[in-house]
Amino acid sequence: MSVEDTVLGMWAALSARDWESLKSFLSDDCIYLDMPVGPAAAAKGPEDIVKRLKIGLEQLASYENFTGLLVSDGANAMYEHHEEWHWRTGESAVLQFVTVHRVENGKISLWKDYWDMGALANHGPPSWLEDFANADMSWIYDATGVV
């Protein structure tokens, strides 16, 4: 599978919140970094990455990723896209992303999301940040100095 097909396949699985399919696109040692949060709160490996993603996405009434520009250079890809989040309480947000991926041996080994956390804080429910802070944090991996 090409780098582009791997990246787009993973995002299609995430958009569907198909957690098992999503894991199949990630290497065993894949590192996920939510860049606004920083490398000290990264996740490593498919199981922990899914735990991390579920904190934000599982409680949503709907979530969708919309494709955009995908540029690759060998094993590295940059993907400009946006997501729509809709909470059960009625709030919604459109979040703009640039994501950097490294794909090795047909699996994503590095995933770095760059986005404006303020856009989420400004449009999400008042409890959003508190809910995140009170979630299971067993997934945390300190990637400081690793990526």
C-alpha atoms as a PDB file:
ATOM      1  CA  MET A   1       0.000   0.000   0.000  1.00  0.00           C
ATOM      2  CA  SER A   2       1.348   3.459  -0.874  1.00  0.00           C
ATOM      3  CA  VAL A   3       2.059   6.145   1.706  1.00  0.00           C
ATOM      4  CA  GLU A   4      -0.956   8.076   0.419  1.00  0.00           C
ATOM      5  CA  ASP A   5      -3.288   5.062   0.594  1.00  0.00           C
ATOM      6  CA  THR A   6      -2.097   4.262   4.120  1.00  0.00           C
ATOM      7  CA  VAL A   7      -2.691   7.827   5.344  1.00  0.00           C
ATOM      8  CA  LEU A   8      -6.096   8.160   3.667  1.00  0.00           C
ATOM      9  CA  GLY A   9      -7.143   4.695   4.851  1.00  0.00           C
ATOM     10  CA  MET A  10      -6.284   5.547   8.443  1.00  0.00           C
ATOM     11  CA  TRP A  11      -8.233   8.803   8.277  1.00  0.00           C
ATOM     12  CA  ALA A  12     -11.249   7.052   6.737  1.00  0.00           C
ATOM     13  CA  ALA A  13     -11.183   4.570   9.627  1.00  0.00           C
ATOM     14  CA  LEU A  14     -10.930   7.424  12.136  1.00  0.00           C
ATOM     15  CA  SER A  15     -13.776   9.321  10.472  1.00  0.00           C
ATOM     16  CA  ALA A  16     -15.928   6.197  10.849  1.00  0.00           C
ATOM     17  CA  ARG A  17     -14.632   5.787  14.424  1.00  0.00           C
ATOM     18  CA  ASP A  18     -13.752   2.237  13.415  1.00  0.00           C
ATOM     19  CA  TRP A  19     -11.168   1.763  16.142  1.00  0.00           C
ATOM     20  CA  GLU A  20     -10.077  -1.756  15.136  1.00  0.00           C
ATOM     21  CA  SER A  21      -9.528  -0.746  11.522  1.00  0.00           C
ATOM     22  CA  LEU A  22      -7.664   2.374  12.628  1.00  0.00           C
ATOM     23  CA  LYS A  23      -5.268   0.284  14.738  1.00  0.00           C
ATOM     24  CA  SER A  24      -4.403  -1.816  11.675  1.00  0.00           C
ATOM     25  CA  PHE A  25      -2.816   1.249  10.029  1.00  0.00           C
ATOM     26  CA  LEU A  26      -0.496   1.978  12.993  1.00  0.00           C
ATOM     27  CA  SER A  27       2.870   0.376  13.712  1.00  0.00           C
ATOM     28  CA  ASP A  28       3.348  -1.249  17.108  1.00  0.00           C
ATOM     29  CA  ASP A  29       5.640   1.622  18.136  1.00  0.00           C
ATOM     30  CA  CYS A  30       3.707   4.451  16.443  1.00  0.00           C
ATOM     31  CA  ILE A  31       3.865   7.734  18.348  1.00  0.00           C
ATOM     32  CA  TYR A  32       0.903  10.128  18.304  1.00  0.00           C
ATOM     33  CA  LEU A  33       1.488  13.752  19.306  1.00  0.00           C
ATOM     34  CA  ASP A  34      -1.235  16.315  19.691  1.00  0.00           C
ATOM     35  CA  MET A  35       1.117  19.254  19.080  1.00  0.00           C
ATOM     36  CA  PRO A  36      -0.874  21.925  20.995  1.00  0.00           C
ATOM     37  CA  VAL A  37      -0.572  19.704  24.085  1.00  0.00           C
ATOM     38  CA  GLY A  38       3.108  18.859  23.539  1.00  0.00           C
ATOM     39  CA  PRO A  39       5.314  15.751  23.491  1.00  0.00           C
ATOM     40  CA  ALA A  40       5.029  15.026  27.224  1.00  0.00           C
ATOM     41  CA  ALA A  41       1.415  13.929  26.624  1.00  0.00           C
ATOM     42  CA  ALA A  42       1.951  11.750  23.550  1.00  0.00           C
ATOM     43  CA  ALA A  43       0.595   8.235  23.084  1.00  0.00           C
ATOM     44  CA  LYS A  44       2.550   5.227  21.814  1.00  0.00           C
ATOM     45  CA  GLY A  45       1.237   2.092  20.147  1.00  0.00           C
ATOM     46  CA  PRO A  46      -2.171   1.383  18.604  1.00  0.00           C
ATOM     47  CA  GLU A  47      -3.988   0.544  21.851  1.00  0.00           C
ATOM     48  CA  ASP A  48      -2.902   3.679  23.695  1.00  0.00           C
ATOM     49  CA  ILE A  49      -3.395   5.914  20.660  1.00  0.00           C
ATOM     50  CA  VAL A  50      -6.995   4.722  20.405  1.00  0.00           C
ATOM     51  CA  LYS A  51      -7.493   5.332  24.156  1.00  0.00           C
ATOM     52  CA  ARG A  52      -6.252   8.887  23.600  1.00  0.00           C
ATOM     53  CA  LEU A  53      -8.450   9.505  20.559  1.00  0.00           C
ATOM     54  CA  LYS A  54     -11.555   8.152  22.265  1.00  0.00           C
ATOM     55  CA  ILE A  55     -11.273  10.809  24.985  1.00  0.00           C
ATOM     56  CA  GLY A  56     -12.176  13.498  22.475  1.00  0.00           C
ATOM     57  CA  LEU A  57     -14.191  11.620  19.885  1.00  0.00           C
ATOM     58  CA  GLU A  58     -16.150   8.815  21.513  1.00  0.00           C
ATOM     59  CA  GLN A  59     -18.722  11.016  23.273  1.00  0.00           C
ATOM     60  CA  LEU A  60     -19.531  13.063  20.154  1.00  0.00           C
ATOM     61  CA  ALA A  61     -22.942  12.768  18.507  1.00  0.00           C
ATOM     62  CA  SER A  62     -21.121  12.897  15.167  1.00  0.00           C
ATOM     63  CA  TYR A  63     -17.600  13.303  13.896  1.00  0.00           C
ATOM     64  CA  GLU A  64     -16.327  13.503  10.348  1.00  0.00           C
ATOM     65  CA  ASN A  65     -12.966  14.071   8.719  1.00  0.00           C
ATOM     66  CA  PHE A  66     -12.949  15.855   5.375  1.00  0.00           C
ATOM     67  CA  THR A  67     -10.100  15.187   2.974  1.00  0.00           C
ATOM     68  CA  GLY A  68      -7.811  17.915   1.762  1.00  0.00           C
ATOM     69  CA  LEU A  69      -4.353  18.347   0.326  1.00  0.00           C
ATOM     70  CA  LEU A  70      -2.010  15.389   0.829  1.00  0.00           C
ATOM     71  CA  VAL A  71       1.663  15.823  -0.060  1.00  0.00           C
ATOM     72  CA  SER A  72       4.208  13.048   0.370  1.00  0.00           C
ATOM     73  CA  ASP A  73       7.975  12.898   0.179  1.00  0.00           C
ATOM     74  CA  GLY A  74       9.214   9.346   0.518  1.00  0.00           C
ATOM     75  CA  ALA A  75       8.036   7.976   3.859  1.00  0.00           C
ATOM     76  CA  ASN A  76       6.754  11.370   5.050  1.00  0.00           C
ATOM     77  CA  ALA A  77       3.370  12.900   4.337  1.00  0.00           C
ATOM     78  CA  MET A  78       1.690  16.194   5.210  1.00  0.00           C
ATOM     79  CA  TYR A  79      -2.080  16.218   5.176  1.00  0.00           C
ATOM     80  CA  GLU A  80      -4.183  19.384   5.315  1.00  0.00           C
ATOM     81  CA  HIS A  81      -7.758  18.542   6.282  1.00  0.00           C
ATOM     82  CA  HIS A  82     -10.597  19.523   8.571  1.00  0.00           C
ATOM     83  CA  GLU A  83     -12.882  17.820  11.033  1.00  0.00           C
ATOM     84  CA  GLU A  84     -16.427  18.554  12.134  1.00  0.00           C
ATOM     85  CA  TRP A  85     -17.299  17.743  15.739  1.00  0.00           C
ATOM     86  CA  HIS A  86     -20.920  17.724  16.980  1.00  0.00           C
ATOM     87  CA  TRP A  87     -21.681  17.161  20.656  1.00  0.00           C
ATOM     88  CA  ARG A  88     -24.886  15.649  21.997  1.00  0.00           C
ATOM     89  CA  THR A  89     -25.456  18.926  23.867  1.00  0.00           C
ATOM     90  CA  GLY A  90     -25.789  20.841  20.566  1.00  0.00           C
ATOM     91  CA  GLU A  91     -22.395  22.524  20.236  1.00  0.00           C
ATOM     92  CA  SER A  92     -20.344  22.045  17.083  1.00  0.00           C
ATOM     93  CA  ALA A  93     -16.878  22.949  15.846  1.00  0.00           C
ATOM     94  CA  VAL A  94     -14.986  22.882  12.564  1.00  0.00           C
ATOM     95  CA  LEU A  95     -11.324  22.212  13.268  1.00  0.00           C
ATOM     96  CA  GLN A  96      -8.571  22.859  10.719  1.00  0.00           C
ATOM     97  CA  PHE A  97      -5.599  20.473  10.836  1.00  0.00           C
ATOM     98  CA  VAL A  98      -2.232  19.883   9.287  1.00  0.00           C
ATOM     99  CA  THR A  99      -1.010  16.409  10.144  1.00  0.00           C
ATOM    100  CA  VAL A 100       2.473  15.012   9.601  1.00  0.00           C
ATOM    101  CA  HIS A 101       2.810  11.254   9.193  1.00  0.00           C
ATOM    102  CA  ARG A 102       5.762   8.939   8.714  1.00  0.00           C
ATOM    103  CA  VAL A 103       4.873   5.633   7.031  1.00  0.00           C
ATOM    104  CA  GLU A 104       7.309   2.732   7.296  1.00  0.00           C
ATOM    105  CA  ASN A 105       6.685  -0.805   6.041  1.00  0.00           C
ATOM    106  CA  GLY A 106       3.086   0.099   5.184  1.00  0.00           C
ATOM    107  CA  LYS A 107       2.235   1.362   8.699  1.00  0.00           C
ATOM    108  CA  ILE A 108       2.093   4.825  10.236  1.00  0.00           C
ATOM    109  CA  SER A 109       4.989   5.131  12.691  1.00  0.00           C
ATOM    110  CA  LEU A 110       4.624   8.829  13.544  1.00  0.00           C
ATOM    111  CA  TRP A 111       1.488  10.985  13.695  1.00  0.00           C
ATOM    112  CA  LYS A 112       1.707  14.665  14.648  1.00  0.00           C
ATOM    113  CA  ASP A 113      -1.467  16.791  14.634  1.00  0.00           C
ATOM    114  CA  TYR A 114      -1.087  20.581  14.359  1.00  0.00           C
ATOM    115  CA  TRP A 115      -4.312  22.476  15.049  1.00  0.00           C
ATOM    116  CA  ASP A 116      -5.791  25.405  16.959  1.00  0.00           C
ATOM    117  CA  MET A 117      -6.911  24.115  20.352  1.00  0.00           C
ATOM    118  CA  GLY A 118      -8.629  27.472  20.935  1.00  0.00           C
ATOM    119  CA  ALA A 119     -11.094  26.646  18.148  1.00  0.00           C
ATOM    120  CA  LEU A 120     -12.196  23.611  20.148  1.00  0.00           C
ATOM    121  CA  ALA A 121     -12.253  25.446  23.479  1.00  0.00           C
ATOM    122  CA  ASN A 122     -14.315  28.277  21.952  1.00  0.00           C
ATOM    123  CA  HIS A 123     -16.970  26.018  20.408  1.00  0.00           C
ATOM    124  CA  GLY A 124     -17.092  22.897  22.577  1.00  0.00           C
ATOM    125  CA  PRO A 125     -19.342  22.425  25.590  1.00  0.00           C
ATOM    126  CA  PRO A 126     -18.242  24.143  28.818  1.00  0.00           C
ATOM    127  CA  SER A 127     -17.334  20.757  30.317  1.00  0.00           C
ATOM    128  CA  TRP A 128     -15.029  19.730  27.445  1.00  0.00           C
ATOM    129  CA  LEU A 129     -11.685  20.543  29.063  1.00  0.00           C
ATOM    130  CA  GLU A 130     -12.767  19.241  32.474  1.00  0.00           C
ATOM    131  CA  ASP A 131     -13.973  15.985  30.890  1.00  0.00           C
ATOM    132  CA  PHE A 132     -10.599  15.617  29.180  1.00  0.00           C
ATOM    133  CA  ALA A 133      -8.704  16.306  32.419  1.00  0.00           C
ATOM    134  CA  ASN A 134     -10.757  13.680  34.283  1.00  0.00           C
ATOM    135  CA  ALA A 135     -10.361  10.965  31.623  1.00  0.00           C
ATOM    136  CA  ASP A 136      -8.220   7.815  31.848  1.00  0.00           C
ATOM    137  CA  MET A 137      -4.640   8.986  31.325  1.00  0.00           C
ATOM    138  CA  SER A 138      -2.985   5.553  31.263  1.00  0.00           C
ATOM    139  CA  TRP A 139      -2.084   6.168  27.602  1.00  0.00           C
ATOM    140  CA  ILE A 140       0.388   8.990  28.312  1.00  0.00           C
ATOM    141  CA  TYR A 141       3.847   8.495  26.826  1.00  0.00           C
ATOM    142  CA  ASP A 142       6.500  11.191  27.213  1.00  0.00           C
ATOM    143  CA  ALA A 143       7.968  11.621  23.731  1.00  0.00           C
ATOM    144  CA  THR A 144      10.154  14.573  24.746  1.00  0.00           C
ATOM    145  CA  GLY A 145      13.450  14.199  22.908  1.00  0.00           C
ATOM    146  CA  VAL A 146      12.149  11.224  20.908  1.00  0.00           C
ATOM    147  CA  VAL A 147      10.561  13.114  18.009  1.00  0.00           C
END
